Protein backbone atom coordinates (compact mmCIF):
# COMPACT_ATOMS: atom_id res chain seq x y z
CA MET A 1 -29.11 -19.79 -14.98
CA ARG A 2 -32.79 -19.33 -15.70
CA PRO A 3 -34.49 -16.59 -13.66
CA SER A 4 -36.91 -17.81 -11.04
CA GLU A 5 -40.64 -17.33 -11.56
CA GLU A 6 -40.67 -15.08 -8.49
CA HIS A 7 -38.02 -12.83 -10.06
CA LEU A 8 -39.94 -12.72 -13.33
CA ASP A 9 -43.12 -11.79 -11.46
CA VAL A 10 -41.28 -8.94 -9.74
CA ALA A 11 -39.90 -7.73 -13.05
CA ARG A 12 -43.36 -7.81 -14.62
CA GLU A 13 -44.83 -5.88 -11.70
CA VAL A 14 -42.10 -3.26 -11.95
CA ALA A 15 -42.70 -2.91 -15.68
CA GLY A 16 -46.43 -2.65 -15.18
CA SER A 17 -46.55 -0.41 -12.13
CA PHE A 18 -43.70 2.06 -12.40
CA THR A 19 -43.81 3.44 -15.93
CA THR A 20 -45.39 6.75 -14.91
CA THR A 21 -43.30 8.96 -12.65
CA HIS A 22 -40.49 8.83 -10.12
CA TRP A 23 -43.05 10.09 -7.62
CA SER A 24 -45.10 6.92 -8.12
CA VAL A 25 -42.05 4.82 -7.25
CA VAL A 26 -41.52 6.67 -3.98
CA ALA A 27 -45.24 6.68 -3.14
CA ARG A 28 -45.50 2.94 -3.75
CA ALA A 29 -42.40 2.32 -1.63
CA GLY A 30 -44.12 4.03 1.29
CA GLU A 31 -47.18 1.80 1.07
CA GLY A 32 -45.62 -1.47 2.14
CA ASP A 33 -42.96 -4.09 1.59
CA SER A 34 -43.67 -4.96 -2.04
CA SER A 35 -40.66 -6.58 -3.72
CA ALA A 36 -41.48 -4.63 -6.86
CA ALA A 37 -41.54 -1.37 -4.92
CA SER A 38 -38.14 -2.10 -3.39
CA LEU A 39 -36.63 -3.05 -6.73
CA ALA A 40 -37.99 0.05 -8.45
CA LEU A 41 -36.72 2.30 -5.67
CA GLU A 42 -33.27 0.71 -5.90
CA ARG A 43 -33.19 1.27 -9.65
CA LEU A 44 -34.14 4.90 -9.11
CA CYS A 45 -31.29 5.36 -6.66
CA GLN A 46 -28.89 3.71 -9.11
CA SER A 47 -29.84 6.30 -11.72
CA TYR A 48 -29.05 9.33 -9.55
CA TRP A 49 -26.12 8.41 -7.35
CA TYR A 50 -23.55 10.40 -9.34
CA PRO A 51 -25.29 13.82 -9.24
CA LEU A 52 -25.64 13.40 -5.47
CA TYR A 53 -22.04 12.25 -5.08
CA VAL A 54 -20.87 15.38 -6.90
CA PHE A 55 -23.12 17.50 -4.67
CA VAL A 56 -21.54 15.99 -1.54
CA ARG A 57 -18.01 16.55 -2.88
CA ARG A 58 -18.85 20.18 -3.70
CA GLN A 59 -20.01 20.63 -0.11
CA GLY A 60 -16.36 20.20 0.85
CA HIS A 61 -16.32 16.57 1.90
CA SER A 62 -13.26 14.48 1.10
CA TYR A 63 -13.28 11.64 -1.42
CA ASP A 64 -13.49 8.99 1.32
CA ASP A 65 -16.20 10.78 3.29
CA ALA A 66 -18.22 11.52 0.14
CA GLN A 67 -18.21 7.82 -0.76
CA ASP A 68 -19.46 6.88 2.71
CA LEU A 69 -21.95 9.72 2.89
CA THR A 70 -23.52 8.89 -0.46
CA GLN A 71 -23.74 5.18 0.33
CA GLU A 72 -25.23 5.88 3.76
CA PHE A 73 -27.76 8.26 2.26
CA PHE A 74 -28.93 5.62 -0.20
CA ALA A 75 -29.02 2.98 2.53
CA ARG A 76 -31.41 5.17 4.50
CA PHE A 77 -33.32 6.14 1.38
CA LEU A 78 -33.87 2.48 0.51
CA GLU A 79 -35.01 1.90 4.09
CA ARG A 80 -37.69 4.51 3.26
CA LYS A 81 -36.35 6.98 5.83
CA TYR A 82 -37.12 9.88 3.49
CA VAL A 83 -40.36 8.69 1.98
CA GLU A 84 -42.29 10.82 4.46
CA LEU A 85 -40.56 13.89 3.01
CA ALA A 86 -41.89 13.13 -0.46
CA ASP A 87 -44.69 15.42 -1.57
CA GLN A 88 -45.30 15.42 -5.29
CA SER A 89 -47.36 18.58 -4.96
CA ARG A 90 -44.01 20.33 -4.52
CA GLY A 91 -43.23 19.55 -8.14
CA LYS A 92 -39.76 18.51 -9.24
CA PHE A 93 -38.34 15.17 -8.18
CA ARG A 94 -34.80 16.53 -8.50
CA THR A 95 -35.65 19.12 -5.86
CA PHE A 96 -37.03 16.47 -3.51
CA LEU A 97 -33.93 14.29 -3.89
CA LEU A 98 -31.56 17.21 -3.33
CA ARG A 99 -33.47 18.44 -0.28
CA SER A 100 -33.45 14.90 1.12
CA MET A 101 -29.67 14.80 0.80
CA GLU A 102 -29.34 18.22 2.44
CA HIS A 103 -31.56 17.01 5.29
CA PHE A 104 -29.36 13.95 5.67
CA LEU A 105 -26.10 15.92 5.70
CA ILE A 106 -27.36 18.43 8.24
CA ASN A 107 -29.30 16.22 10.61
CA GLU A 108 -28.45 12.56 10.31
CA TRP A 109 -24.73 12.01 9.72
CA THR A 110 -23.08 11.34 13.07
CA LYS A 111 -19.90 12.89 14.35
CA GLY A 112 -18.27 9.46 14.25
CA ARG A 113 -18.10 9.24 10.47
CA ALA A 114 -14.27 9.46 10.46
CA ALA A 115 -14.11 6.30 12.57
CA LYS A 116 -16.48 4.58 10.16
CA ARG A 117 -14.57 5.62 7.04
CA GLY A 118 -14.87 2.90 4.44
CA GLY A 119 -17.39 1.08 6.58
CA ALA A 120 -20.64 2.44 5.19
CA GLN A 121 -23.03 -0.17 3.90
CA LYS A 122 -22.56 -0.44 0.15
CA VAL A 123 -26.10 -0.58 -1.18
CA ILE A 124 -25.54 1.05 -4.59
CA SER A 125 -22.83 -0.40 -6.80
CA TRP A 126 -20.46 1.97 -8.59
CA ASN A 127 -16.77 2.25 -9.40
CA GLU A 128 -15.46 4.60 -6.72
CA ARG A 129 -12.27 5.55 -8.55
CA GLU A 130 -14.11 6.14 -11.79
CA ALA A 131 -16.61 8.37 -9.98
CA GLU A 132 -13.80 10.46 -8.51
CA THR A 133 -12.05 10.66 -11.88
CA ARG A 134 -15.26 12.00 -13.42
CA TYR A 135 -15.60 14.48 -10.57
CA GLN A 136 -12.02 15.74 -10.89
CA ALA A 137 -12.50 16.23 -14.63
CA GLU A 138 -15.30 18.71 -13.99
CA SER A 139 -14.15 20.19 -10.68
CA SER A 140 -12.75 23.31 -12.36
CA ASP A 141 -16.31 24.58 -12.92
CA GLN A 142 -16.93 27.41 -10.47
CA LEU A 143 -20.46 26.36 -9.66
CA SER A 144 -22.31 26.06 -6.38
CA PRO A 145 -23.12 22.54 -5.08
CA ASP A 146 -26.78 23.02 -6.09
CA LYS A 147 -25.88 24.07 -9.63
CA ILE A 148 -23.37 21.27 -10.19
CA PHE A 149 -26.01 18.81 -8.98
CA GLU A 150 -28.47 20.18 -11.52
CA LYS A 151 -25.91 19.95 -14.35
CA ARG A 152 -25.12 16.33 -13.48
CA TRP A 153 -28.85 15.60 -13.15
CA ALA A 154 -29.49 17.04 -16.60
CA ALA A 155 -26.56 15.18 -18.17
CA ASN A 156 -27.72 11.96 -16.52
CA LEU A 157 -31.23 12.40 -17.88
CA LEU A 158 -29.97 13.00 -21.43
CA GLU A 159 -27.74 9.93 -21.19
CA ARG A 160 -30.75 7.80 -20.26
CA VAL A 161 -32.77 9.20 -23.16
CA LEU A 162 -29.96 8.38 -25.59
CA ALA A 163 -29.66 4.87 -24.14
CA ARG A 164 -33.41 4.32 -24.54
CA LEU A 165 -33.24 5.53 -28.13
CA ARG A 166 -30.25 3.33 -28.91
CA SER A 167 -32.03 0.26 -27.51
CA GLU A 168 -34.69 0.68 -30.21
CA PHE A 169 -32.03 0.04 -32.86
CA SER A 170 -31.32 -3.54 -31.87
CA SER A 171 -30.36 -5.25 -35.14
CA PRO A 172 -26.80 -4.80 -36.50
CA GLU A 173 -28.11 -2.86 -39.50
CA LYS A 174 -30.19 -0.52 -37.37
CA ARG A 175 -27.36 -0.09 -34.86
CA LYS A 176 -25.03 0.96 -37.68
CA LEU A 177 -27.61 3.52 -38.80
CA PHE A 178 -28.02 4.84 -35.27
CA ASP A 179 -24.27 5.17 -34.71
CA ALA A 180 -23.96 7.09 -37.97
CA LEU A 181 -26.86 9.44 -37.24
CA LYS A 182 -26.69 10.02 -33.48
CA GLN A 183 -24.44 13.06 -33.85
CA SER A 184 -27.25 14.70 -35.81
CA LEU A 185 -29.46 14.86 -32.72
CA GLY A 186 -27.93 18.22 -31.92
CA GLY A 187 -29.14 19.56 -35.26
CA GLU A 188 -25.64 20.33 -36.50
CA ASN A 189 -25.36 18.14 -39.62
CA THR A 190 -24.40 19.86 -42.87
CA THR A 191 -25.26 18.85 -46.42
CA GLU A 192 -21.73 17.50 -46.83
CA SER A 193 -22.05 15.26 -43.75
CA TYR A 194 -25.35 13.87 -45.00
CA GLN A 195 -23.62 13.01 -48.24
CA GLU A 196 -20.82 11.26 -46.41
CA ILE A 197 -23.26 9.26 -44.29
CA ALA A 198 -25.23 8.29 -47.40
CA ILE A 199 -22.09 6.91 -49.05
CA GLN A 200 -21.05 5.15 -45.86
CA LEU A 201 -24.42 3.43 -45.43
CA GLY A 202 -25.21 2.86 -49.08
CA MET A 203 -28.27 5.12 -48.91
CA THR A 204 -29.42 8.13 -50.84
CA GLU A 205 -28.93 11.54 -49.29
CA GLY A 206 -32.71 11.98 -49.23
CA ALA A 207 -33.14 8.73 -47.31
CA VAL A 208 -30.55 9.86 -44.79
CA LYS A 209 -32.39 13.15 -44.24
CA VAL A 210 -35.66 11.27 -43.68
CA ALA A 211 -33.92 8.95 -41.20
CA VAL A 212 -32.45 11.94 -39.35
CA HIS A 213 -35.87 13.61 -39.17
CA ARG A 214 -37.42 10.45 -37.72
CA LEU A 215 -34.56 9.96 -35.26
CA ARG A 216 -34.87 13.52 -33.97
CA HIS A 217 -38.64 13.17 -33.66
CA ARG A 218 -38.30 9.97 -31.66
CA TYR A 219 -35.58 11.53 -29.50
CA ARG A 220 -37.90 14.43 -28.63
CA GLU A 221 -40.66 11.97 -27.75
CA LEU A 222 -38.39 10.01 -25.43
CA LEU A 223 -37.02 13.20 -23.89
CA ARG A 224 -40.51 14.41 -23.05
CA ALA A 225 -41.37 11.00 -21.61
CA GLU A 226 -38.24 10.98 -19.46
CA VAL A 227 -38.87 14.50 -18.18
CA ALA A 228 -42.51 13.64 -17.48
CA GLU A 229 -41.30 10.97 -15.06
CA THR A 230 -39.57 13.60 -12.93
CA VAL A 231 -42.41 16.10 -12.43
CA ALA A 232 -45.73 15.89 -10.67
CA THR A 233 -48.05 16.92 -13.52
CA GLN A 234 -48.05 16.99 -17.32
CA ALA A 235 -48.44 20.75 -17.15
CA GLU A 236 -44.89 21.01 -15.77
CA VAL A 237 -43.21 19.09 -18.60
CA ASP A 238 -42.59 22.04 -20.93
CA GLU A 239 -41.35 24.20 -18.08
CA GLU A 240 -38.93 21.50 -16.96
CA LEU A 241 -37.73 20.94 -20.53
CA ARG A 242 -36.92 24.63 -20.86
CA TYR A 243 -35.09 24.56 -17.55
CA LEU A 244 -33.19 21.43 -18.56
CA ILE A 245 -31.99 23.13 -21.74
CA SER A 246 -30.92 26.23 -19.80
CA VAL A 247 -28.93 24.09 -17.37
CA ILE A 248 -27.16 22.20 -20.16
CA ARG A 249 -26.25 25.44 -21.95
CA SER A 250 -25.09 27.30 -18.86
């Protein structure tokens, strides 16, 4: 099925209007009923449902309640119930999203949630069982709900950066190169591994080292760009990068 012209127009508007920061998405959503604004806000929610789901579970809510709570939060978020709480002068978008969830849990979830179990409006699509499996795999970490949210946020951000980098290697030849070199992004390759990759790809060891250098450089560029989307000013990018690294290593 060919996409409608209206859908293409929306996609073009999203691409043209929301390439700056997450704050711009929320701000635009509060200005009116633009289809592009709604689509961009939905995509933003899709990106961050899992860190918030983990946060809700770590608050002590059961699997069933956490599913309903997270879906209900996003339903209200997409209805722009929390747009008025957004203030980019406060800095980090992750902080805004977490505080919005805390506000929701404290003030807006009714006592009748047990009766509604399983009945929350499903506005964000995810595999519920897979989400719980992921959560159980990391539930042994003795971290506070805030800290586990930040770790999932950081991991989510790095996954998006890697996906963006991978998308730039679209041809089969380039994809093979990327798959061979992606482990080097952590800076852990040895001379022996470069030699092995060179033999595998039919390249010289020097060419592999150049390719690794370029890949790491591009990865850093995309990482900075991704982090820049989550803060209010360019001046905060380096600070947030340092914090991101500390969260990942903790």
